[in-house]
Amino acid sequence: MKKIILLMALICYFSLMKAQKVYDTHNESRADVKVFVTDKDYRADLIVYTTNTAHRAKGNKGIWFIEHNESRADKKICFVNNESRADLKVYFTNTESRAGWKNQGKKALME
């Protein structure tokens, strides 16, 4: 009985985790989230670290895996050139430990 409860708890935990596999659709109308890339980290809602392995991109923590297959992506994003058209402002970092949300109010966009 304890094993069943533990197994159910683990299943619930992992089903609540949201992976951050994103696909760049290049088409605003097909995107779930429109993203503007800022050159200053203090202007960003989210600091993003991109990884080259999908399994490291678990959770809504700003660690993204750029998916090349739209059907395997969790979110479709479109990078926009105009900040006023964006839903989310991001800053890309080369350091994984810097990744994370600066504006918690925007976190739901990537869930």
PDB file of N, CA and C in Angstrom:
ATOM      1  N   MET A   1       0.822  -1.195   0.000  1.00  0.00           N
ATOM      2  CA  MET A   1       0.000   0.000   0.000  1.00  0.00           C
ATOM      3  C   MET A   1       0.868   1.263   0.000  1.00  0.00           C
ATOM      4  N   LYS A   2       1.962   1.231   0.783  1.00  0.00           N
ATOM      5  CA  LYS A   2       2.848   2.388   0.830  1.00  0.00           C
ATOM      6  C   LYS A   2       3.493   2.639  -0.534  1.00  0.00           C
ATOM      7  N   LYS A   3       3.824   1.548  -1.234  1.00  0.00           N
ATOM      8  CA  LYS A   3       4.437   1.697  -2.554  1.00  0.00           C
ATOM      9  C   LYS A   3       3.464   2.322  -3.544  1.00  0.00           C
ATOM     10  N   ILE A   4       2.200   1.961  -3.456  1.00  0.00           N
ATOM     11  CA  ILE A   4       1.191   2.520  -4.355  1.00  0.00           C
ATOM     12  C   ILE A   4       1.013   4.011  -4.087  1.00  0.00           C
ATOM     13  N   ILE A   5       0.954   4.390  -2.830  1.00  0.00           N
ATOM     14  CA  ILE A   5       0.808   5.804  -2.473  1.00  0.00           C
ATOM     15  C   ILE A   5       2.024   6.593  -2.944  1.00  0.00           C
ATOM     16  N   LEU A   6       3.224   6.035  -2.733  1.00  0.00           N
ATOM     17  CA  LEU A   6       4.441   6.700  -3.179  1.00  0.00           C
ATOM     18  C   LEU A   6       4.452   6.841  -4.699  1.00  0.00           C
ATOM     19  N   LEU A   7       4.079   5.795  -5.392  1.00  0.00           N
ATOM     20  CA  LEU A   7       4.030   5.834  -6.851  1.00  0.00           C
ATOM     21  C   LEU A   7       3.040   6.885  -7.346  1.00  0.00           C
ATOM     22  N   MET A   8       1.875   6.955  -6.733  1.00  0.00           N
ATOM     23  CA  MET A   8       0.868   7.949  -7.123  1.00  0.00           C
ATOM     24  C   MET A   8       1.368   9.363  -6.844  1.00  0.00           C
ATOM     25  N   ALA A   9       2.041   9.547  -5.720  1.00  0.00           N
ATOM     26  CA  ALA A   9       2.588  10.859  -5.390  1.00  0.00           C
ATOM     27  C   ALA A   9       3.634  11.284  -6.412  1.00  0.00           C
ATOM     28  N   LEU A  10       4.491  10.363  -6.824  1.00  0.00           N
ATOM     29  CA  LEU A  10       5.513  10.675  -7.829  1.00  0.00           C
ATOM     30  C   LEU A  10       4.893  11.004  -9.179  1.00  0.00           C
ATOM     31  N   ILE A  11       3.881  10.270  -9.560  1.00  0.00           N
ATOM     32  CA  ILE A  11       3.193  10.540 -10.823  1.00  0.00           C
ATOM     33  C   ILE A  11       2.574  11.930 -10.799  1.00  0.00           C
ATOM     34  N   CYS A  12       1.934  12.283  -9.699  1.00  0.00           N
ATOM     35  CA  CYS A  12       1.338  13.628  -9.579  1.00  0.00           C
ATOM     36  C   CYS A  12       2.403  14.712  -9.644  1.00  0.00           C
ATOM     37  N   TYR A  13       3.523  14.481  -8.955  1.00  0.00           N
ATOM     38  CA  TYR A  13       4.602  15.466  -8.939  1.00  0.00           C
ATOM     39  C   TYR A  13       5.136  15.709 -10.348  1.00  0.00           C
ATOM     40  N   PHE A  14       5.440  14.634 -11.075  1.00  0.00           N
ATOM     41  CA  PHE A  14       6.013  14.787 -12.404  1.00  0.00           C
ATOM     42  C   PHE A  14       4.995  15.292 -13.419  1.00  0.00           C
ATOM     43  N   SER A  15       3.737  15.037 -13.215  1.00  0.00           N
ATOM     44  CA  SER A  15       2.745  15.566 -14.150  1.00  0.00           C
ATOM     45  C   SER A  15       2.538  17.063 -13.964  1.00  0.00           C
ATOM     46  N   LEU A  16       2.862  17.580 -12.784  1.00  0.00           N
ATOM     47  CA  LEU A  16       2.738  19.014 -12.539  1.00  0.00           C
ATOM     48  C   LEU A  16       3.925  19.800 -13.083  1.00  0.00           C
ATOM     49  N   MET A  17       5.046  19.127 -13.274  1.00  0.00           N
ATOM     50  CA  MET A  17       6.215  19.805 -13.821  1.00  0.00           C
ATOM     51  C   MET A  17       5.959  20.126 -15.282  1.00  0.00           C
ATOM     52  N   LYS A  18       6.311  21.300 -15.687  1.00  0.00           N
ATOM     53  CA  LYS A  18       6.133  21.717 -17.064  1.00  0.00           C
ATOM     54  C   LYS A  18       7.509  21.822 -17.718  1.00  0.00           C
ATOM     55  N   ALA A  19       7.675  21.109 -18.775  1.00  0.00           N
ATOM     56  CA  ALA A  19       8.936  21.185 -19.505  1.00  0.00           C
ATOM     57  C   ALA A  19       8.963  22.473 -20.306  1.00  0.00           C
ATOM     58  N   GLN A  20      10.126  22.917 -20.604  1.00  0.00           N
ATOM     59  CA  GLN A  20      10.285  24.149 -21.356  1.00  0.00           C
ATOM     60  C   GLN A  20      10.891  23.853 -22.720  1.00  0.00           C
ATOM     61  N   LYS A  21      10.252  22.964 -23.443  1.00  0.00           N
ATOM     62  CA  LYS A  21      10.657  22.699 -24.819  1.00  0.00           C
ATOM     63  C   LYS A  21       9.872  23.674 -25.684  1.00  0.00           C
ATOM     64  N   VAL A  22      10.591  24.572 -26.334  1.00  0.00           N
ATOM     65  CA  VAL A  22       9.937  25.617 -27.104  1.00  0.00           C
ATOM     66  C   VAL A  22      10.259  25.472 -28.581  1.00  0.00           C
ATOM     67  N   TYR A  23       9.298  25.866 -29.385  1.00  0.00           N
ATOM     68  CA  TYR A  23       9.438  25.837 -30.838  1.00  0.00           C
ATOM     69  C   TYR A  23       9.231  27.252 -31.355  1.00  0.00           C
ATOM     70  N   ASP A  24      10.158  27.729 -32.152  1.00  0.00           N
ATOM     71  CA  ASP A  24      10.041  29.067 -32.748  1.00  0.00           C
ATOM     72  C   ASP A  24       9.242  28.949 -34.029  1.00  0.00           C
ATOM     73  N   THR A  25       7.998  29.427 -33.974  1.00  0.00           N
ATOM     74  CA  THR A  25       7.093  29.273 -35.099  1.00  0.00           C
ATOM     75  C   THR A  25       7.303  30.301 -36.207  1.00  0.00           C
ATOM     76  N   HIS A  26       7.969  31.404 -35.945  1.00  0.00           N
ATOM     77  CA  HIS A  26       8.191  32.478 -36.924  1.00  0.00           C
ATOM     78  C   HIS A  26       6.878  33.082 -37.434  1.00  0.00           C
ATOM     79  N   ASN A  27       5.777  32.749 -36.785  1.00  0.00           N
ATOM     80  CA  ASN A  27       4.465  33.238 -37.213  1.00  0.00           C
ATOM     81  C   ASN A  27       3.692  33.654 -35.962  1.00  0.00           C
ATOM     82  N   GLU A  28       3.497  34.933 -35.772  1.00  0.00           N
ATOM     83  CA  GLU A  28       2.849  35.441 -34.558  1.00  0.00           C
ATOM     84  C   GLU A  28       1.484  34.823 -34.308  1.00  0.00           C
ATOM     85  N   SER A  29       0.722  34.606 -35.348  1.00  0.00           N
ATOM     86  CA  SER A  29      -0.640  34.100 -35.168  1.00  0.00           C
ATOM     87  C   SER A  29      -0.666  32.644 -34.683  1.00  0.00           C
ATOM     88  N   ARG A  30       0.405  31.913 -34.877  1.00  0.00           N
ATOM     89  CA  ARG A  30       0.468  30.518 -34.424  1.00  0.00           C
ATOM     90  C   ARG A  30       1.147  30.365 -33.073  1.00  0.00           C
ATOM     91  N   ALA A  31       1.695  31.440 -32.534  1.00  0.00           N
ATOM     92  CA  ALA A  31       2.466  31.383 -31.291  1.00  0.00           C
ATOM     93  C   ALA A  31       1.575  31.397 -30.060  1.00  0.00           C
ATOM     94  N   ASP A  32       1.995  30.649 -29.046  1.00  0.00           N
ATOM     95  CA  ASP A  32       1.358  30.720 -27.733  1.00  0.00           C
ATOM     96  C   ASP A  32       1.820  31.975 -26.998  1.00  0.00           C
ATOM     97  N   VAL A  33       3.086  32.319 -27.203  1.00  0.00           N
ATOM     98  CA  VAL A  33       3.697  33.453 -26.508  1.00  0.00           C
ATOM     99  C   VAL A  33       4.580  34.209 -27.489  1.00  0.00           C
ATOM    100  N   LYS A  34       4.414  35.539 -27.504  1.00  0.00           N
ATOM    101  CA  LYS A  34       5.281  36.399 -28.312  1.00  0.00           C
ATOM    102  C   LYS A  34       6.399  36.906 -27.403  1.00  0.00           C
ATOM    103  N   VAL A  35       7.637  36.734 -27.856  1.00  0.00           N
ATOM    104  CA  VAL A  35       8.815  36.984 -27.021  1.00  0.00           C
ATOM    105  C   VAL A  35       9.677  38.081 -27.621  1.00  0.00           C
ATOM    106  N   PHE A  36      10.060  39.010 -26.777  1.00  0.00           N
ATOM    107  CA  PHE A  36      11.005  40.058 -27.159  1.00  0.00           C
ATOM    108  C   PHE A  36      12.307  39.805 -26.402  1.00  0.00           C
ATOM    109  N   VAL A  37      13.427  39.835 -27.119  1.00  0.00           N
ATOM    110  CA  VAL A  37      14.733  39.630 -26.498  1.00  0.00           C
ATOM    111  C   VAL A  37      15.328  40.985 -26.163  1.00  0.00           C
ATOM    112  N   THR A  38      15.615  41.190 -24.886  1.00  0.00           N
ATOM    113  CA  THR A  38      16.208  42.439 -24.435  1.00  0.00           C
ATOM    114  C   THR A  38      17.713  42.267 -24.246  1.00  0.00           C
ATOM    115  N   ASP A  39      18.445  43.348 -24.379  1.00  0.00           N
ATOM    116  CA  ASP A  39      19.896  43.273 -24.225  1.00  0.00           C
ATOM    117  C   ASP A  39      20.354  43.569 -22.795  1.00  0.00           C
ATOM    118  N   LYS A  40      19.410  43.849 -21.914  1.00  0.00           N
ATOM    119  CA  LYS A  40      19.715  44.128 -20.500  1.00  0.00           C
ATOM    120  C   LYS A  40      18.912  43.180 -19.611  1.00  0.00           C
ATOM    121  N   ASP A  41      19.569  42.501 -18.700  1.00  0.00           N
ATOM    122  CA  ASP A  41      18.868  41.532 -17.854  1.00  0.00           C
ATOM    123  C   ASP A  41      17.850  42.188 -16.926  1.00  0.00           C
ATOM    124  N   TYR A  42      18.090  43.420 -16.511  1.00  0.00           N
ATOM    125  CA  TYR A  42      17.158  44.083 -15.597  1.00  0.00           C
ATOM    126  C   TYR A  42      15.839  44.467 -16.278  1.00  0.00           C
ATOM    127  N   ARG A  43      15.798  44.450 -17.609  1.00  0.00           N
ATOM    128  CA  ARG A  43      14.563  44.766 -18.341  1.00  0.00           C
ATOM    129  C   ARG A  43      13.744  43.521 -18.655  1.00  0.00           C
ATOM    130  N   ALA A  44      14.267  42.346 -18.343  1.00  0.00           N
ATOM    131  CA  ALA A  44      13.623  41.084 -18.707  1.00  0.00           C
ATOM    132  C   ALA A  44      12.633  40.613 -17.650  1.00  0.00           C
ATOM    133  N   ASP A  45      11.601  39.897 -18.121  1.00  0.00           N
ATOM    134  CA  ASP A  45      10.681  39.194 -17.230  1.00  0.00           C
ATOM    135  C   ASP A  45      11.277  37.846 -16.828  1.00  0.00           C
ATOM    136  N   LEU A  46      12.068  37.294 -17.740  1.00  0.00           N
ATOM    137  CA  LEU A  46      12.643  35.970 -17.550  1.00  0.00           C
ATOM    138  C   LEU A  46      14.059  35.946 -18.101  1.00  0.00           C
ATOM    139  N   ILE A  47      14.975  35.410 -17.308  1.00  0.00           N
ATOM    140  CA  ILE A  47      16.334  35.175 -17.781  1.00  0.00           C
ATOM    141  C   ILE A  47      16.391  33.724 -18.235  1.00  0.00           C
ATOM    142  N   VAL A  48      16.776  33.523 -19.490  1.00  0.00           N
ATOM    143  CA  VAL A  48      16.713  32.198 -20.128  1.00  0.00           C
ATOM    144  C   VAL A  48      18.110  31.662 -20.394  1.00  0.00           C
ATOM    145  N   TYR A  49      18.274  30.400 -20.050  1.00  0.00           N
ATOM    146  CA  TYR A  49      19.461  29.639 -20.420  1.00  0.00           C
ATOM    147  C   TYR A  49      19.000  28.556 -21.376  1.00  0.00           C
ATOM    148  N   THR A  50      19.633  28.443 -22.527  1.00  0.00           N
ATOM    149  CA  THR A  50      19.252  27.385 -23.467  1.00  0.00           C
ATOM    150  C   THR A  50      20.209  26.210 -23.313  1.00  0.00           C
ATOM    151  N   THR A  51      19.619  25.033 -23.311  1.00  0.00           N
ATOM    152  CA  THR A  51      20.383  23.805 -23.188  1.00  0.00           C
ATOM    153  C   THR A  51      20.252  23.003 -24.474  1.00  0.00           C
ATOM    154  N   ASN A  52      21.215  22.143 -24.725  1.00  0.00           N
ATOM    155  CA  ASN A  52      21.156  21.331 -25.943  1.00  0.00           C
ATOM    156  C   ASN A  52      20.608  19.935 -25.677  1.00  0.00           C
ATOM    157  N   THR A  53      20.128  19.689 -24.457  1.00  0.00           N
ATOM    158  CA  THR A  53      19.520  18.398 -24.137  1.00  0.00           C
ATOM    159  C   THR A  53      18.135  18.616 -23.534  1.00  0.00           C
ATOM    160  N   ALA A  54      17.147  17.958 -24.104  1.00  0.00           N
ATOM    161  CA  ALA A  54      15.755  18.166 -23.693  1.00  0.00           C
ATOM    162  C   ALA A  54      15.501  17.786 -22.237  1.00  0.00           C
ATOM    163  N   HIS A  55      16.158  16.757 -21.734  1.00  0.00           N
ATOM    164  CA  HIS A  55      15.879  16.310 -20.371  1.00  0.00           C
ATOM    165  C   HIS A  55      16.317  17.307 -19.307  1.00  0.00           C
ATOM    166  N   ARG A  56      17.188  18.249 -19.640  1.00  0.00           N
ATOM    167  CA  ARG A  56      17.619  19.272 -18.678  1.00  0.00           C
ATOM    168  C   ARG A  56      16.647  20.449 -18.617  1.00  0.00           C
ATOM    169  N   ALA A  57      15.681  20.489 -19.514  1.00  0.00           N
ATOM    170  CA  ALA A  57      14.762  21.617 -19.604  1.00  0.00           C
ATOM    171  C   ALA A  57      13.448  21.306 -18.887  1.00  0.00           C
ATOM    172  N   LYS A  58      13.524  20.827 -17.682  1.00  0.00           N
ATOM    173  CA  LYS A  58      12.326  20.489 -16.914  1.00  0.00           C
ATOM    174  C   LYS A  58      11.968  21.638 -15.968  1.00  0.00           C
ATOM    175  N   GLY A  59      10.689  21.831 -15.800  1.00  0.00           N
ATOM    176  CA  GLY A  59      10.217  22.871 -14.890  1.00  0.00           C
ATOM    177  C   GLY A  59      10.170  24.234 -15.559  1.00  0.00           C
ATOM    178  N   ASN A  60       9.435  25.107 -14.973  1.00  0.00           N
ATOM    179  CA  ASN A  60       9.259  26.461 -15.492  1.00  0.00           C
ATOM    180  C   ASN A  60      10.277  27.372 -14.811  1.00  0.00           C
ATOM    181  N   LYS A  61      11.554  27.114 -15.111  1.00  0.00           N
ATOM    182  CA  LYS A  61      12.636  27.804 -14.419  1.00  0.00           C
ATOM    183  C   LYS A  61      13.519  28.635 -15.340  1.00  0.00           C
ATOM    184  N   GLY A  62      13.126  28.749 -16.603  1.00  0.00           N
ATOM    185  CA  GLY A  62      13.919  29.543 -17.526  1.00  0.00           C
ATOM    186  C   GLY A  62      15.000  28.769 -18.242  1.00  0.00           C
ATOM    187  N   ILE A  63      14.969  27.455 -18.159  1.00  0.00           N
ATOM    188  CA  ILE A  63      15.912  26.628 -18.902  1.00  0.00           C
ATOM    189  C   ILE A  63      15.150  26.056 -20.086  1.00  0.00           C
ATOM    190  N   TRP A  64      15.497  26.521 -21.273  1.00  0.00           N
ATOM    191  CA  TRP A  64      14.771  26.164 -22.478  1.00  0.00           C
ATOM    192  C   TRP A  64      15.575  25.219 -23.353  1.00  0.00           C
ATOM    193  N   PHE A  65      14.850  24.323 -23.988  1.00  0.00           N
ATOM    194  CA  PHE A  65      15.390  23.501 -25.061  1.00  0.00           C
ATOM    195  C   PHE A  65      14.656  23.930 -26.319  1.00  0.00           C
ATOM    196  N   ILE A  66      15.388  24.356 -27.325  1.00  0.00           N
ATOM    197  CA  ILE A  66      14.766  24.785 -28.574  1.00  0.00           C
ATOM    198  C   ILE A  66      14.470  23.534 -29.397  1.00  0.00           C
ATOM    199  N   GLU A  67      13.197  23.237 -29.500  1.00  0.00           N
ATOM    200  CA  GLU A  67      12.728  22.042 -30.202  1.00  0.00           C
ATOM    201  C   GLU A  67      12.595  22.360 -31.683  1.00  0.00           C
ATOM    202  N   HIS A  68      13.065  21.452 -32.521  1.00  0.00           N
ATOM    203  CA  HIS A  68      12.984  21.657 -33.967  1.00  0.00           C
ATOM    204  C   HIS A  68      11.752  20.990 -34.574  1.00  0.00           C
ATOM    205  N   ASN A  69      11.045  20.233 -33.773  1.00  0.00           N
ATOM    206  CA  ASN A  69       9.828  19.570 -34.218  1.00  0.00           C
ATOM    207  C   ASN A  69       8.651  20.178 -33.447  1.00  0.00           C
ATOM    208  N   GLU A  70       7.776  20.850 -34.134  1.00  0.00           N
ATOM    209  CA  GLU A  70       6.667  21.573 -33.496  1.00  0.00           C
ATOM    210  C   GLU A  70       5.812  20.660 -32.630  1.00  0.00           C
ATOM    211  N   SER A  71       5.577  19.444 -33.068  1.00  0.00           N
ATOM    212  CA  SER A  71       4.687  18.543 -32.331  1.00  0.00           C
ATOM    213  C   SER A  71       5.274  18.079 -31.003  1.00  0.00           C
ATOM    214  N   ARG A  72       6.585  18.174 -30.833  1.00  0.00           N
ATOM    215  CA  ARG A  72       7.203  17.759 -29.567  1.00  0.00           C
ATOM    216  C   ARG A  72       7.381  18.915 -28.588  1.00  0.00           C
ATOM    217  N   ALA A  73       7.078  20.117 -29.025  1.00  0.00           N
ATOM    218  CA  ALA A  73       7.270  21.293 -28.175  1.00  0.00           C
ATOM    219  C   ALA A  73       6.103  21.473 -27.206  1.00  0.00           C
ATOM    220  N   ASP A  74       6.425  22.042 -26.061  1.00  0.00           N
ATOM    221  CA  ASP A  74       5.398  22.361 -25.068  1.00  0.00           C
ATOM    222  C   ASP A  74       4.796  23.738 -25.307  1.00  0.00           C
ATOM    223  N   LYS A  75       5.586  24.623 -25.845  1.00  0.00           N
ATOM    224  CA  LYS A  75       5.124  25.982 -26.147  1.00  0.00           C
ATOM    225  C   LYS A  75       5.649  26.404 -27.504  1.00  0.00           C
ATOM    226  N   LYS A  76       4.788  27.084 -28.246  1.00  0.00           N
ATOM    227  CA  LYS A  76       5.197  27.689 -29.507  1.00  0.00           C
ATOM    228  C   LYS A  76       5.422  29.163 -29.231  1.00  0.00           C
ATOM    229  N   ILE A  77       6.605  29.627 -29.550  1.00  0.00           N
ATOM    230  CA  ILE A  77       6.924  31.032 -29.326  1.00  0.00           C
ATOM    231  C   ILE A  77       7.244  31.687 -30.662  1.00  0.00           C
ATOM    232  N   CYS A  78       7.116  32.993 -30.671  1.00  0.00           N
ATOM    233  CA  CYS A  78       7.500  33.780 -31.829  1.00  0.00           C
ATOM    234  C   CYS A  78       8.291  34.972 -31.305  1.00  0.00           C
ATOM    235  N   PHE A  79       9.496  35.133 -31.815  1.00  0.00           N
ATOM    236  CA  PHE A  79      10.305  36.276 -31.429  1.00  0.00           C
ATOM    237  C   PHE A  79       9.847  37.488 -32.231  1.00  0.00           C
ATOM    238  N   VAL A  80       9.572  38.574 -31.521  1.00  0.00           N
ATOM    239  CA  VAL A  80       9.120  39.808 -32.160  1.00  0.00           C
ATOM    240  C   VAL A  80      10.179  40.890 -31.989  1.00  0.00           C
ATOM    241  N   ASN A  81      10.196  41.837 -32.910  1.00  0.00           N
ATOM    242  CA  ASN A  81      11.186  42.915 -32.890  1.00  0.00           C
ATOM    243  C   ASN A  81      10.718  44.141 -32.125  1.00  0.00           C
ATOM    244  N   ASN A  82       9.439  44.189 -31.806  1.00  0.00           N
ATOM    245  CA  ASN A  82       8.870  45.344 -31.139  1.00  0.00           C
ATOM    246  C   ASN A  82       8.447  44.945 -29.727  1.00  0.00           C
ATOM    247  N   GLU A  83       9.038  45.579 -28.736  1.00  0.00           N
ATOM    248  CA  GLU A  83       8.760  45.256 -27.330  1.00  0.00           C
ATOM    249  C   GLU A  83       7.280  45.394 -26.984  1.00  0.00           C
ATOM    250  N   SER A  84       6.601  46.344 -27.588  1.00  0.00           N
ATOM    251  CA  SER A  84       5.191  46.581 -27.271  1.00  0.00           C
ATOM    252  C   SER A  84       4.279  45.457 -27.764  1.00  0.00           C
ATOM    253  N   ARG A  85       4.732  44.651 -28.710  1.00  0.00           N
ATOM    254  CA  ARG A  85       3.935  43.533 -29.210  1.00  0.00           C
ATOM    255  C   ARG A  85       4.190  42.239 -28.432  1.00  0.00           C
ATOM    256  N   ALA A  86       5.151  42.251 -27.545  1.00  0.00           N
ATOM    257  CA  ALA A  86       5.568  41.042 -26.844  1.00  0.00           C
ATOM    258  C   ALA A  86       4.716  40.765 -25.604  1.00  0.00           C
ATOM    259  N   ASP A  87       4.504  39.469 -25.351  1.00  0.00           N
ATOM    260  CA  ASP A  87       3.877  39.026 -24.102  1.00  0.00           C
ATOM    261  C   ASP A  87       4.924  38.871 -23.011  1.00  0.00           C
ATOM    262  N   LEU A  88       6.148  38.553 -23.424  1.00  0.00           N
ATOM    263  CA  LEU A  88       7.209  38.206 -22.488  1.00  0.00           C
ATOM    264  C   LEU A  88       8.529  38.789 -22.977  1.00  0.00           C
ATOM    265  N   LYS A  89       9.269  39.396 -22.054  1.00  0.00           N
ATOM    266  CA  LYS A  89      10.598  39.909 -22.369  1.00  0.00           C
ATOM    267  C   LYS A  89      11.627  38.967 -21.744  1.00  0.00           C
ATOM    268  N   VAL A  90      12.575  38.511 -22.559  1.00  0.00           N
ATOM    269  CA  VAL A  90      13.589  37.591 -22.059  1.00  0.00           C
ATOM    270  C   VAL A  90      14.985  38.137 -22.313  1.00  0.00           C
ATOM    271  N   TYR A  91      15.888  37.674 -21.482  1.00  0.00           N
ATOM    272  CA  TYR A  91      17.310  37.948 -21.635  1.00  0.00           C
ATOM    273  C   TYR A  91      18.001  36.595 -21.630  1.00  0.00           C
ATOM    274  N   PHE A  92      18.844  36.333 -22.627  1.00  0.00           N
ATOM    275  CA  PHE A  92      19.556  35.060 -22.708  1.00  0.00           C
ATOM    276  C   PHE A  92      20.891  35.164 -21.989  1.00  0.00           C
ATOM    277  N   THR A  93      21.151  34.171 -21.159  1.00  0.00           N
ATOM    278  CA  THR A  93      22.395  34.108 -20.411  1.00  0.00           C
ATOM    279  C   THR A  93      23.180  32.863 -20.797  1.00  0.00           C
ATOM    280  N   ASN A  94      24.471  32.908 -20.581  1.00  0.00           N
ATOM    281  CA  ASN A  94      25.328  31.745 -20.823  1.00  0.00           C
ATOM    282  C   ASN A  94      25.565  30.933 -19.557  1.00  0.00           C
ATOM    283  N   THR A  95      24.973  31.363 -18.461  1.00  0.00           N
ATOM    284  CA  THR A  95      25.172  30.720 -17.168  1.00  0.00           C
ATOM    285  C   THR A  95      23.852  30.138 -16.672  1.00  0.00           C
ATOM    286  N   GLU A  96      23.792  28.821 -16.546  1.00  0.00           N
ATOM    287  CA  GLU A  96      22.551  28.156 -16.151  1.00  0.00           C
ATOM    288  C   GLU A  96      22.035  28.628 -14.795  1.00  0.00           C
ATOM    289  N   SER A  97      22.921  28.898 -13.869  1.00  0.00           N
ATOM    290  CA  SER A  97      22.495  29.304 -12.522  1.00  0.00           C
ATOM    291  C   SER A  97      21.807  30.672 -12.495  1.00  0.00           C
ATOM    292  N   ARG A  98      21.989  31.480 -13.519  1.00  0.00           N
ATOM    293  CA  ARG A  98      21.332  32.795 -13.581  1.00  0.00           C
ATOM    294  C   ARG A  98      19.909  32.721 -14.113  1.00  0.00           C
ATOM    295  N   ALA A  99      19.531  31.592 -14.708  1.00  0.00           N
ATOM    296  CA  ALA A  99      18.196  31.454 -15.305  1.00  0.00           C
ATOM    297  C   ALA A  99      17.126  31.536 -14.223  1.00  0.00           C
ATOM    298  N   GLY A 100      16.011  32.186 -14.563  1.00  0.00           N
ATOM    299  CA  GLY A 100      14.891  32.249 -13.634  1.00  0.00           C
ATOM    300  C   GLY A 100      13.998  33.446 -13.887  1.00  0.00           C
ATOM    301  N   TRP A 101      12.888  33.429 -13.170  1.00  0.00           N
ATOM    302  CA  TRP A 101      11.871  34.467 -13.329  1.00  0.00           C
ATOM    303  C   TRP A 101      12.217  35.702 -12.523  1.00  0.00           C
ATOM    304  N   LYS A 102      12.108  36.856 -13.160  1.00  0.00           N
ATOM    305  CA  LYS A 102      12.251  38.138 -12.484  1.00  0.00           C
ATOM    306  C   LYS A 102      10.886  38.759 -12.257  1.00  0.00           C
ATOM    307  N   ASN A 103       9.930  38.420 -13.118  1.00  0.00           N
ATOM    308  CA  ASN A 103       8.567  38.926 -13.006  1.00  0.00           C
ATOM    309  C   ASN A 103       7.629  37.719 -12.832  1.00  0.00           C
ATOM    310  N   GLN A 104       7.337  37.392 -11.583  1.00  0.00           N
ATOM    311  CA  GLN A 104       6.515  36.216 -11.280  1.00  0.00           C
ATOM    312  C   GLN A 104       5.116  36.314 -11.881  1.00  0.00           C
ATOM    313  N   GLY A 105       4.642  37.516 -12.143  1.00  0.00           N
ATOM    314  CA  GLY A 105       3.330  37.715 -12.734  1.00  0.00           C
ATOM    315  C   GLY A 105       3.223  37.177 -14.151  1.00  0.00           C
ATOM    316  N   LYS A 106       4.344  36.998 -14.820  1.00  0.00           N
ATOM    317  CA  LYS A 106       4.354  36.486 -16.190  1.00  0.00           C
ATOM    318  C   LYS A 106       4.601  34.973 -16.254  1.00  0.00           C
ATOM    319  N   LYS A 107       4.844  34.368 -15.133  1.00  0.00           N
ATOM    320  CA  LYS A 107       5.216  32.941 -15.078  1.00  0.00           C
ATOM    321  C   LYS A 107       4.161  32.043 -15.714  1.00  0.00           C
ATOM    322  N   ALA A 108       2.911  32.379 -15.576  1.00  0.00           N
ATOM    323  CA  ALA A 108       1.815  31.553 -16.110  1.00  0.00           C
ATOM    324  C   ALA A 108       1.862  31.451 -17.637  1.00  0.00           C
ATOM    325  N   LEU A 109       2.503  32.404 -18.302  1.00  0.00           N
ATOM    326  CA  LEU A 109       2.597  32.353 -19.758  1.00  0.00           C
ATOM    327  C   LEU A 109       3.312  31.101 -20.264  1.00  0.00           C
ATOM    328  N   MET A 110       4.242  30.591 -19.477  1.00  0.00           N
ATOM    329  CA  MET A 110       5.037  29.444 -19.908  1.00  0.00           C
ATOM    330  C   MET A 110       4.606  28.134 -19.246  1.00  0.00           C
ATOM    331  N   GLU A 111       3.502  28.142 -18.551  1.00  0.00           N
ATOM    332  CA  GLU A 111       3.024  26.910 -17.917  1.00  0.00           C
ATOM    333  C   GLU A 111       2.071  26.167 -18.823  1.00  0.00           C
TER     334      GLU A 111
END
